[in-house]
């Protein structure tokens, strides 16, 4: 899966979970940049991402996640490891 596809699907997820239809994802975006992106919604985002892409994150991966770009990298690597 190409990064553009991942960003498109993530945008849908983020807009739905954070209830912001105008949210634009960019690689350097962090929770500090989005008012609604609190710890509760962070969990909701991760669960939604895992379900949408059919992947599971390890705790250490999540603890090391610094921004949306890093999340996209993790998703791409996990999908590649499963042959998708």
Protein backbone atom coordinates (compact mmCIF):
# COMPACT_ATOMS: atom_id res chain seq x y z
CA UNK A 1 0.00 0.00 0.00
CA UNK A 2 1.30 3.42 -0.96
CA UNK A 3 1.67 6.24 1.56
CA UNK A 4 -1.01 8.25 -0.26
CA UNK A 5 -3.52 5.45 0.32
CA UNK A 6 -2.52 5.14 3.96
CA UNK A 7 -2.90 8.91 4.49
CA UNK A 8 -6.32 8.84 2.79
CA UNK A 9 -7.58 6.08 5.07
CA UNK A 10 -6.00 7.65 8.15
CA UNK A 11 -7.63 10.97 7.33
CA UNK A 12 -11.04 9.30 7.38
CA UNK A 13 -10.26 7.66 10.72
CA UNK A 14 -8.87 10.83 12.33
CA UNK A 15 -11.75 12.97 11.10
CA UNK A 16 -14.29 10.47 12.42
CA UNK A 17 -12.67 9.85 15.83
CA UNK A 18 -11.75 13.49 16.45
CA UNK A 19 -15.01 14.78 14.93
CA UNK A 20 -13.23 17.30 12.70
CA UNK A 21 -14.13 17.14 8.99
CA UNK A 22 -11.48 19.72 8.13
CA UNK A 23 -8.52 17.99 9.75
CA UNK A 24 -5.59 17.62 7.35
CA UNK A 25 -2.94 15.07 8.23
CA UNK A 26 0.70 15.82 7.60
CA UNK A 27 3.80 13.84 8.60
CA UNK A 28 4.83 16.21 11.42
CA UNK A 29 1.34 16.43 13.00
CA UNK A 30 1.25 15.45 16.69
CA UNK A 31 -1.37 15.25 19.41
CA UNK A 32 -0.16 18.64 20.65
CA UNK A 33 -1.36 20.16 17.36
CA UNK A 34 -4.96 18.93 17.63
CA UNK A 35 -7.10 20.00 20.58
CA UNK A 36 -9.39 16.95 20.47
CA UNK A 37 -6.46 14.48 20.32
CA UNK A 38 -6.28 13.61 24.00
CA UNK A 39 -5.23 10.33 25.63
CA UNK A 40 -8.73 8.85 25.36
CA UNK A 41 -9.01 9.67 21.66
CA UNK A 42 -5.47 8.43 21.10
CA UNK A 43 -6.60 4.97 22.19
CA UNK A 44 -9.66 5.24 19.96
CA UNK A 45 -7.45 6.23 17.03
CA UNK A 46 -5.08 3.29 17.53
CA UNK A 47 -7.94 0.79 17.83
CA UNK A 48 -9.60 2.20 14.69
CA UNK A 49 -6.31 2.07 12.77
CA UNK A 50 -5.69 -1.53 13.82
CA UNK A 51 -9.18 -2.54 12.74
CA UNK A 52 -9.11 -0.67 9.42
CA UNK A 53 -5.71 -2.01 8.36
CA UNK A 54 -5.97 -5.44 10.02
CA UNK A 55 -2.76 -4.96 12.01
CA UNK A 56 -1.71 -4.91 15.66
CA UNK A 57 0.78 -2.55 17.27
CA UNK A 58 3.15 -3.51 20.05
CA UNK A 59 3.25 -1.29 23.13
CA UNK A 60 6.86 -0.31 22.43
CA UNK A 61 5.91 0.81 18.92
CA UNK A 62 3.17 3.04 20.28
CA UNK A 63 5.40 4.50 22.97
CA UNK A 64 7.96 5.42 20.30
CA UNK A 65 5.42 7.00 17.96
CA UNK A 66 6.18 10.68 17.64
CA UNK A 67 3.92 11.95 14.86
CA UNK A 68 1.57 10.96 12.04
CA UNK A 69 4.51 10.33 9.70
CA UNK A 70 5.86 7.74 12.11
CA UNK A 71 2.42 6.12 12.32
CA UNK A 72 2.32 5.90 8.51
CA UNK A 73 5.78 4.27 8.51
CA UNK A 74 4.64 1.69 11.06
CA UNK A 75 1.49 0.89 9.10
CA UNK A 76 3.43 0.54 5.83
CA UNK A 77 6.00 -1.81 7.43
CA UNK A 78 3.32 -3.95 9.07
CA UNK A 79 1.35 -4.22 5.82
CA UNK A 80 4.52 -5.10 3.89
CA UNK A 81 5.34 -7.82 6.43
CA UNK A 82 1.96 -9.42 5.69
CA UNK A 83 2.40 -9.09 1.93
CA UNK A 84 -0.06 -6.23 1.50
